[in-house]
Amino acid sequence: MRHVLIAALLVAPTLTIAETPEEKAVETRQGYFSLLGANMGVFAGMAKGQIDYDAEAAQKAADNVVLLSSYNTGHLFMEGTSSLDLDNTRALPDIWDDMAGVEAKFDNLNKAALAMQAVAGNGKAEMAGALGTLGGACKSCHDDYRAD
């Protein structure tokens, strides 16, 4: 009996509801954007004075945003993963009608991230100055392709 209970406890964690490829794509996409948001939060907190400016932390966040904005996100935008297809996403269907526009916005994000990377560790004023362009790149995509 004890062996049956042990076996059941070992197998139980693997018995989960199967996730569809579309649901997995949305989950992965949301994780990607959460990473971007966490790093953007470092800049915003410093710029607003909610946290002390820290050159090393700002530079690490900038390096992370450059890395993330260089990532090939194509597989994160699988057909059938818009807000019309699934309840757990705010991705508007316009994304799939305008992939060239989405790619252009990611290119702008990368350019703004590179500009931030160049100044993030140089001081609060320089970092805050670059934040407007970087935040604008994020907002541009949100405005066109994300439901509120």
N, C-alpha and C. Protein backbone atom coordinates (compact mmCIF):
# COMPACT_ATOMS: atom_id res chain seq x y z
N MET A 1 0.83 -1.20 0.00
CA MET A 1 0.00 0.00 0.00
C MET A 1 0.87 1.26 0.00
N ARG A 2 1.92 1.23 0.81
CA ARG A 2 2.82 2.38 0.89
C ARG A 2 3.44 2.68 -0.47
N HIS A 3 3.78 1.65 -1.23
CA HIS A 3 4.39 1.84 -2.55
C HIS A 3 3.39 2.46 -3.54
N VAL A 4 2.14 2.10 -3.42
CA VAL A 4 1.10 2.67 -4.27
C VAL A 4 0.95 4.16 -3.99
N LEU A 5 0.97 4.54 -2.73
CA LEU A 5 0.86 5.96 -2.36
C LEU A 5 2.06 6.75 -2.85
N ILE A 6 3.23 6.20 -2.70
CA ILE A 6 4.44 6.88 -3.17
C ILE A 6 4.38 7.04 -4.68
N ALA A 7 4.00 5.99 -5.38
CA ALA A 7 3.89 6.07 -6.84
C ALA A 7 2.86 7.12 -7.25
N ALA A 8 1.74 7.17 -6.56
CA ALA A 8 0.71 8.15 -6.88
C ALA A 8 1.21 9.56 -6.66
N LEU A 9 1.97 9.78 -5.61
CA LEU A 9 2.50 11.11 -5.33
C LEU A 9 3.53 11.53 -6.37
N LEU A 10 4.27 10.57 -6.89
CA LEU A 10 5.27 10.90 -7.92
C LEU A 10 4.62 11.19 -9.26
N VAL A 11 3.53 10.53 -9.57
CA VAL A 11 2.85 10.70 -10.85
C VAL A 11 1.92 11.90 -10.84
N ALA A 12 1.32 12.23 -9.72
CA ALA A 12 0.32 13.28 -9.63
C ALA A 12 0.77 14.61 -10.22
N PRO A 13 2.00 15.07 -9.95
CA PRO A 13 2.39 16.37 -10.52
C PRO A 13 2.44 16.39 -12.04
N THR A 14 2.57 15.23 -12.67
CA THR A 14 2.63 15.20 -14.13
C THR A 14 1.25 15.13 -14.76
N LEU A 15 0.23 14.94 -13.96
CA LEU A 15 -1.13 14.86 -14.47
C LEU A 15 -1.75 16.25 -14.48
N THR A 16 -1.47 17.00 -15.52
CA THR A 16 -2.03 18.34 -15.65
C THR A 16 -2.87 18.40 -16.91
N ILE A 17 -3.71 19.37 -16.98
CA ILE A 17 -4.53 19.55 -18.18
C ILE A 17 -3.61 19.95 -19.32
N ALA A 18 -3.75 19.27 -20.43
CA ALA A 18 -2.90 19.56 -21.58
C ALA A 18 -3.14 20.98 -22.06
N GLU A 19 -2.06 21.67 -22.34
CA GLU A 19 -2.11 23.03 -22.85
C GLU A 19 -2.00 22.96 -24.36
N THR A 20 -2.81 23.72 -25.05
CA THR A 20 -2.72 23.73 -26.51
C THR A 20 -1.47 24.51 -26.92
N PRO A 21 -0.99 24.30 -28.14
CA PRO A 21 0.16 25.09 -28.61
C PRO A 21 -0.14 26.59 -28.58
N GLU A 22 -1.39 26.97 -28.88
CA GLU A 22 -1.76 28.38 -28.85
C GLU A 22 -1.69 28.95 -27.44
N GLU A 23 -2.18 28.20 -26.47
CA GLU A 23 -2.12 28.66 -25.07
C GLU A 23 -0.68 28.77 -24.61
N LYS A 24 0.16 27.83 -25.02
CA LYS A 24 1.58 27.88 -24.66
C LYS A 24 2.25 29.09 -25.30
N ALA A 25 1.89 29.39 -26.54
CA ALA A 25 2.46 30.57 -27.21
C ALA A 25 2.09 31.85 -26.48
N VAL A 26 0.82 31.96 -26.05
CA VAL A 26 0.38 33.14 -25.31
C VAL A 26 1.12 33.23 -23.98
N GLU A 27 1.24 32.12 -23.27
CA GLU A 27 1.95 32.11 -22.00
C GLU A 27 3.41 32.54 -22.17
N THR A 28 4.04 32.05 -23.21
CA THR A 28 5.43 32.39 -23.48
C THR A 28 5.55 33.86 -23.87
N ARG A 29 4.63 34.33 -24.71
CA ARG A 29 4.63 35.73 -25.13
C ARG A 29 4.45 36.65 -23.92
N GLN A 30 3.54 36.30 -23.03
CA GLN A 30 3.31 37.11 -21.84
C GLN A 30 4.54 37.10 -20.93
N GLY A 31 5.22 35.98 -20.85
CA GLY A 31 6.45 35.92 -20.07
C GLY A 31 7.52 36.83 -20.64
N TYR A 32 7.64 36.83 -21.96
CA TYR A 32 8.59 37.70 -22.64
C TYR A 32 8.30 39.17 -22.32
N PHE A 33 7.04 39.56 -22.44
CA PHE A 33 6.69 40.95 -22.17
C PHE A 33 6.80 41.29 -20.69
N SER A 34 6.62 40.32 -19.82
CA SER A 34 6.84 40.56 -18.38
C SER A 34 8.30 40.87 -18.10
N LEU A 35 9.19 40.18 -18.79
CA LEU A 35 10.62 40.47 -18.63
C LEU A 35 10.94 41.88 -19.11
N LEU A 36 10.39 42.26 -20.25
CA LEU A 36 10.59 43.64 -20.73
C LEU A 36 10.06 44.64 -19.70
N GLY A 37 8.86 44.39 -19.21
CA GLY A 37 8.24 45.29 -18.24
C GLY A 37 9.03 45.40 -16.94
N ALA A 38 9.57 44.30 -16.48
CA ALA A 38 10.35 44.33 -15.24
C ALA A 38 11.58 45.22 -15.39
N ASN A 39 12.21 45.15 -16.54
CA ASN A 39 13.39 45.98 -16.78
C ASN A 39 13.02 47.43 -17.01
N MET A 40 11.90 47.67 -17.69
CA MET A 40 11.42 49.04 -17.86
C MET A 40 11.07 49.65 -16.52
N GLY A 41 10.58 48.83 -15.61
CA GLY A 41 10.24 49.30 -14.27
C GLY A 41 11.44 49.84 -13.51
N VAL A 42 12.60 49.30 -13.77
CA VAL A 42 13.83 49.81 -13.14
C VAL A 42 14.04 51.26 -13.56
N PHE A 43 13.95 51.52 -14.86
CA PHE A 43 14.14 52.89 -15.36
C PHE A 43 13.07 53.83 -14.83
N ALA A 44 11.83 53.39 -14.89
CA ALA A 44 10.72 54.23 -14.46
C ALA A 44 10.83 54.56 -12.97
N GLY A 45 11.15 53.57 -12.17
CA GLY A 45 11.29 53.81 -10.73
C GLY A 45 12.39 54.81 -10.43
N MET A 46 13.50 54.70 -11.13
CA MET A 46 14.61 55.64 -10.93
C MET A 46 14.24 57.03 -11.43
N ALA A 47 13.62 57.11 -12.59
CA ALA A 47 13.26 58.40 -13.17
C ALA A 47 12.26 59.14 -12.30
N LYS A 48 11.33 58.40 -11.70
CA LYS A 48 10.31 59.01 -10.84
C LYS A 48 10.80 59.26 -9.42
N GLY A 49 12.00 58.79 -9.10
CA GLY A 49 12.53 58.96 -7.75
C GLY A 49 11.95 57.98 -6.75
N GLN A 50 11.26 56.95 -7.23
CA GLN A 50 10.70 55.93 -6.33
C GLN A 50 11.79 55.01 -5.80
N ILE A 51 12.85 54.86 -6.59
CA ILE A 51 14.04 54.15 -6.14
C ILE A 51 15.25 55.00 -6.50
N ASP A 52 16.29 54.88 -5.72
CA ASP A 52 17.50 55.66 -5.97
C ASP A 52 18.13 55.24 -7.29
N TYR A 53 18.66 56.22 -7.99
CA TYR A 53 19.38 55.91 -9.22
C TYR A 53 20.60 55.07 -8.85
N ASP A 54 20.80 54.00 -9.58
CA ASP A 54 21.93 53.09 -9.39
C ASP A 54 22.47 52.80 -10.79
N ALA A 55 23.65 53.32 -11.09
CA ALA A 55 24.22 53.19 -12.42
C ALA A 55 24.35 51.73 -12.86
N GLU A 56 24.78 50.88 -11.95
CA GLU A 56 24.97 49.47 -12.30
C GLU A 56 23.62 48.79 -12.60
N ALA A 57 22.63 49.06 -11.78
CA ALA A 57 21.30 48.47 -12.00
C ALA A 57 20.69 49.00 -13.30
N ALA A 58 20.85 50.29 -13.56
CA ALA A 58 20.32 50.87 -14.80
C ALA A 58 21.00 50.25 -16.01
N GLN A 59 22.30 50.08 -15.92
CA GLN A 59 23.03 49.49 -17.05
C GLN A 59 22.62 48.04 -17.28
N LYS A 60 22.45 47.28 -16.21
CA LYS A 60 22.00 45.88 -16.36
C LYS A 60 20.62 45.83 -16.99
N ALA A 61 19.72 46.70 -16.55
CA ALA A 61 18.38 46.73 -17.14
C ALA A 61 18.45 47.09 -18.62
N ALA A 62 19.30 48.05 -18.95
CA ALA A 62 19.46 48.44 -20.35
C ALA A 62 20.02 47.29 -21.18
N ASP A 63 21.01 46.60 -20.64
CA ASP A 63 21.57 45.45 -21.35
C ASP A 63 20.50 44.38 -21.57
N ASN A 64 19.67 44.17 -20.56
CA ASN A 64 18.59 43.19 -20.68
C ASN A 64 17.59 43.59 -21.75
N VAL A 65 17.22 44.86 -21.78
CA VAL A 65 16.24 45.32 -22.77
C VAL A 65 16.81 45.20 -24.18
N VAL A 66 18.10 45.47 -24.35
CA VAL A 66 18.73 45.28 -25.66
C VAL A 66 18.65 43.81 -26.06
N LEU A 67 19.00 42.95 -25.14
CA LEU A 67 18.94 41.52 -25.43
C LEU A 67 17.52 41.08 -25.79
N LEU A 68 16.56 41.50 -24.99
CA LEU A 68 15.17 41.12 -25.24
C LEU A 68 14.64 41.70 -26.55
N SER A 69 15.02 42.93 -26.85
CA SER A 69 14.52 43.56 -28.08
C SER A 69 15.22 43.01 -29.32
N SER A 70 16.28 42.26 -29.12
CA SER A 70 16.98 41.61 -30.24
C SER A 70 16.46 40.20 -30.49
N TYR A 71 15.65 39.71 -29.57
CA TYR A 71 15.15 38.34 -29.62
C TYR A 71 14.15 38.17 -30.77
N ASN A 72 14.25 37.07 -31.48
CA ASN A 72 13.31 36.78 -32.56
C ASN A 72 12.00 36.32 -31.94
N THR A 73 10.99 37.16 -31.99
CA THR A 73 9.71 36.88 -31.34
C THR A 73 8.68 36.24 -32.26
N GLY A 74 9.07 35.93 -33.48
CA GLY A 74 8.11 35.41 -34.46
C GLY A 74 7.27 34.26 -33.96
N HIS A 75 7.89 33.31 -33.28
CA HIS A 75 7.15 32.15 -32.80
C HIS A 75 6.17 32.47 -31.68
N LEU A 76 6.30 33.64 -31.09
CA LEU A 76 5.39 34.04 -30.02
C LEU A 76 4.05 34.53 -30.56
N PHE A 77 4.00 34.80 -31.85
CA PHE A 77 2.79 35.33 -32.47
C PHE A 77 2.17 34.29 -33.40
N MET A 78 1.89 33.15 -32.83
CA MET A 78 1.26 32.05 -33.57
C MET A 78 -0.17 32.45 -33.97
N GLU A 79 -0.55 32.06 -35.17
CA GLU A 79 -1.94 32.26 -35.59
C GLU A 79 -2.86 31.63 -34.55
N GLY A 80 -3.99 32.26 -34.32
CA GLY A 80 -4.95 31.72 -33.37
C GLY A 80 -4.69 32.12 -31.93
N THR A 81 -3.85 33.16 -31.73
CA THR A 81 -3.53 33.58 -30.35
C THR A 81 -3.90 35.04 -30.10
N SER A 82 -4.86 35.55 -30.83
CA SER A 82 -5.30 36.93 -30.61
C SER A 82 -6.40 36.95 -29.54
N SER A 83 -6.77 38.16 -29.19
CA SER A 83 -7.84 38.35 -28.19
C SER A 83 -9.20 37.86 -28.71
N LEU A 84 -9.34 37.70 -30.01
CA LEU A 84 -10.58 37.13 -30.57
C LEU A 84 -10.59 35.61 -30.46
N ASP A 85 -9.39 35.02 -30.37
CA ASP A 85 -9.27 33.57 -30.31
C ASP A 85 -9.26 33.02 -28.89
N LEU A 86 -8.64 33.76 -27.98
CA LEU A 86 -8.44 33.27 -26.61
C LEU A 86 -8.79 34.37 -25.61
N ASP A 87 -9.24 33.97 -24.45
CA ASP A 87 -9.64 34.94 -23.42
C ASP A 87 -8.47 35.48 -22.61
N ASN A 88 -7.35 34.82 -22.62
CA ASN A 88 -6.25 35.19 -21.73
C ASN A 88 -5.18 36.05 -22.38
N THR A 89 -5.54 36.79 -23.42
CA THR A 89 -4.57 37.65 -24.09
C THR A 89 -5.22 38.97 -24.50
N ARG A 90 -4.39 40.00 -24.58
CA ARG A 90 -4.86 41.31 -25.05
C ARG A 90 -4.31 41.62 -26.43
N ALA A 91 -3.70 40.63 -27.08
CA ALA A 91 -3.12 40.83 -28.41
C ALA A 91 -4.24 41.00 -29.43
N LEU A 92 -4.30 42.16 -30.04
CA LEU A 92 -5.34 42.43 -31.03
C LEU A 92 -5.08 41.68 -32.33
N PRO A 93 -6.13 41.29 -33.04
CA PRO A 93 -5.96 40.58 -34.31
C PRO A 93 -5.21 41.39 -35.35
N ASP A 94 -5.14 42.71 -35.17
CA ASP A 94 -4.41 43.57 -36.11
C ASP A 94 -2.95 43.14 -36.26
N ILE A 95 -2.40 42.50 -35.23
CA ILE A 95 -1.01 42.03 -35.30
C ILE A 95 -0.83 41.15 -36.53
N TRP A 96 -1.73 40.20 -36.72
CA TRP A 96 -1.58 39.21 -37.78
C TRP A 96 -1.94 39.78 -39.14
N ASP A 97 -2.61 40.93 -39.16
CA ASP A 97 -2.90 41.61 -40.41
C ASP A 97 -1.78 42.56 -40.81
N ASP A 98 -0.86 42.85 -39.88
CA ASP A 98 0.19 43.84 -40.12
C ASP A 98 1.51 43.41 -39.49
N MET A 99 1.97 42.20 -39.83
CA MET A 99 3.23 41.73 -39.24
C MET A 99 4.41 42.63 -39.62
N ALA A 100 4.37 43.23 -40.79
CA ALA A 100 5.46 44.15 -41.17
C ALA A 100 5.48 45.34 -40.22
N GLY A 101 4.32 45.84 -39.85
CA GLY A 101 4.25 46.94 -38.89
C GLY A 101 4.73 46.53 -37.51
N VAL A 102 4.38 45.32 -37.09
CA VAL A 102 4.84 44.80 -35.80
C VAL A 102 6.37 44.70 -35.80
N GLU A 103 6.92 44.15 -36.87
CA GLU A 103 8.37 44.03 -36.98
C GLU A 103 9.04 45.40 -36.96
N ALA A 104 8.45 46.38 -37.60
CA ALA A 104 9.01 47.73 -37.59
C ALA A 104 9.00 48.31 -36.17
N LYS A 105 7.96 48.03 -35.43
CA LYS A 105 7.89 48.52 -34.05
C LYS A 105 8.93 47.83 -33.17
N PHE A 106 9.16 46.54 -33.38
CA PHE A 106 10.22 45.86 -32.64
C PHE A 106 11.59 46.43 -33.02
N ASP A 107 11.76 46.79 -34.29
CA ASP A 107 13.02 47.41 -34.72
C ASP A 107 13.21 48.75 -34.02
N ASN A 108 12.13 49.55 -33.92
CA ASN A 108 12.21 50.82 -33.20
C ASN A 108 12.51 50.61 -31.72
N LEU A 109 11.93 49.56 -31.13
CA LEU A 109 12.21 49.23 -29.74
C LEU A 109 13.69 48.92 -29.58
N ASN A 110 14.25 48.14 -30.48
CA ASN A 110 15.66 47.79 -30.39
C ASN A 110 16.55 49.02 -30.52
N LYS A 111 16.21 49.92 -31.44
CA LYS A 111 17.01 51.14 -31.60
C LYS A 111 16.95 52.00 -30.34
N ALA A 112 15.77 52.12 -29.75
CA ALA A 112 15.63 52.89 -28.51
C ALA A 112 16.36 52.20 -27.36
N ALA A 113 16.34 50.87 -27.35
CA ALA A 113 17.05 50.13 -26.31
C ALA A 113 18.56 50.33 -26.43
N LEU A 114 19.06 50.34 -27.64
CA LEU A 114 20.49 50.58 -27.86
C LEU A 114 20.88 51.99 -27.40
N ALA A 115 20.01 52.96 -27.66
CA ALA A 115 20.27 54.33 -27.20
C ALA A 115 20.27 54.38 -25.67
N MET A 116 19.36 53.67 -25.04
CA MET A 116 19.33 53.60 -23.58
C MET A 116 20.60 52.93 -23.06
N GLN A 117 20.99 51.86 -23.69
CA GLN A 117 22.18 51.13 -23.26
C GLN A 117 23.41 52.04 -23.28
N ALA A 118 23.48 52.94 -24.23
CA ALA A 118 24.62 53.83 -24.37
C ALA A 118 24.72 54.85 -23.23
N VAL A 119 23.60 55.14 -22.55
CA VAL A 119 23.62 56.20 -21.54
C VAL A 119 23.13 55.79 -20.15
N ALA A 120 22.56 54.61 -20.02
CA ALA A 120 21.90 54.23 -18.76
C ALA A 120 22.79 54.36 -17.54
N GLY A 121 24.04 54.02 -17.67
CA GLY A 121 24.95 54.07 -16.53
C GLY A 121 25.65 55.40 -16.34
N ASN A 122 25.33 56.39 -17.16
CA ASN A 122 26.02 57.68 -17.13
C ASN A 122 25.43 58.68 -16.16
N GLY A 123 24.27 58.41 -15.64
CA GLY A 123 23.62 59.33 -14.71
C GLY A 123 22.12 59.32 -14.89
N LYS A 124 21.44 59.77 -13.86
CA LYS A 124 19.98 59.75 -13.87
C LYS A 124 19.41 60.59 -15.00
N ALA A 125 19.96 61.77 -15.24
CA ALA A 125 19.42 62.65 -16.27
C ALA A 125 19.52 62.02 -17.65
N GLU A 126 20.67 61.41 -17.95
CA GLU A 126 20.85 60.77 -19.25
C GLU A 126 19.90 59.59 -19.40
N MET A 127 19.79 58.79 -18.33
CA MET A 127 18.90 57.64 -18.37
C MET A 127 17.46 58.09 -18.56
N ALA A 128 17.04 59.08 -17.80
CA ALA A 128 15.67 59.57 -17.90
C ALA A 128 15.39 60.16 -19.28
N GLY A 129 16.38 60.80 -19.86
CA GLY A 129 16.21 61.35 -21.20
C GLY A 129 15.96 60.27 -22.25
N ALA A 130 16.67 59.18 -22.14
CA ALA A 130 16.50 58.08 -23.09
C ALA A 130 15.21 57.31 -22.82
N LEU A 131 14.71 57.41 -21.61
CA LEU A 131 13.50 56.66 -21.25
C LEU A 131 12.28 57.11 -22.05
N GLY A 132 12.20 58.39 -22.37
CA GLY A 132 11.06 58.88 -23.15
C GLY A 132 10.96 58.18 -24.49
N THR A 133 12.08 58.04 -25.18
CA THR A 133 12.09 57.38 -26.48
C THR A 133 11.81 55.89 -26.34
N LEU A 134 12.41 55.27 -25.34
CA LEU A 134 12.21 53.84 -25.12
C LEU A 134 10.76 53.56 -24.72
N GLY A 135 10.24 54.33 -23.81
CA GLY A 135 8.84 54.17 -23.41
C GLY A 135 7.89 54.45 -24.56
N GLY A 136 8.26 55.41 -25.40
CA GLY A 136 7.44 55.71 -26.57
C GLY A 136 7.40 54.55 -27.55
N ALA A 137 8.51 53.84 -27.68
CA ALA A 137 8.54 52.67 -28.55
C ALA A 137 7.61 51.59 -28.02
N CYS A 138 7.61 51.40 -26.72
CA CYS A 138 6.69 50.42 -26.11
C CYS A 138 5.24 50.86 -26.32
N LYS A 139 4.97 52.13 -26.02
CA LYS A 139 3.61 52.65 -26.11
C LYS A 139 3.07 52.57 -27.54
N SER A 140 3.92 52.81 -28.51
CA SER A 140 3.50 52.77 -29.90
C SER A 140 2.92 51.40 -30.26
N CYS A 141 3.57 50.37 -29.80
CA CYS A 141 3.07 49.02 -30.07
C CYS A 141 1.79 48.74 -29.27
N HIS A 142 1.78 49.15 -28.02
CA HIS A 142 0.58 48.97 -27.19
C HIS A 142 -0.62 49.67 -27.81
N ASP A 143 -0.42 50.89 -28.27
CA ASP A 143 -1.52 51.66 -28.85
C ASP A 143 -2.15 50.96 -30.05
N ASP A 144 -1.31 50.34 -30.87
CA ASP A 144 -1.80 49.74 -32.11
C ASP A 144 -2.21 48.28 -31.99
N TYR A 145 -1.58 47.57 -31.08
CA TYR A 145 -1.73 46.11 -31.10
C TYR A 145 -2.15 45.45 -29.79
N ARG A 146 -2.47 46.23 -28.77
CA ARG A 146 -2.86 45.64 -27.49
C ARG A 146 -4.18 46.22 -27.02
N ALA A 147 -5.10 45.35 -26.65
CA ALA A 147 -6.37 45.79 -26.09
C ALA A 147 -6.15 46.23 -24.65
N ASP A 148 -6.89 47.23 -24.23
CA ASP A 148 -6.74 47.70 -22.84
C ASP A 148 -7.39 46.78 -21.85
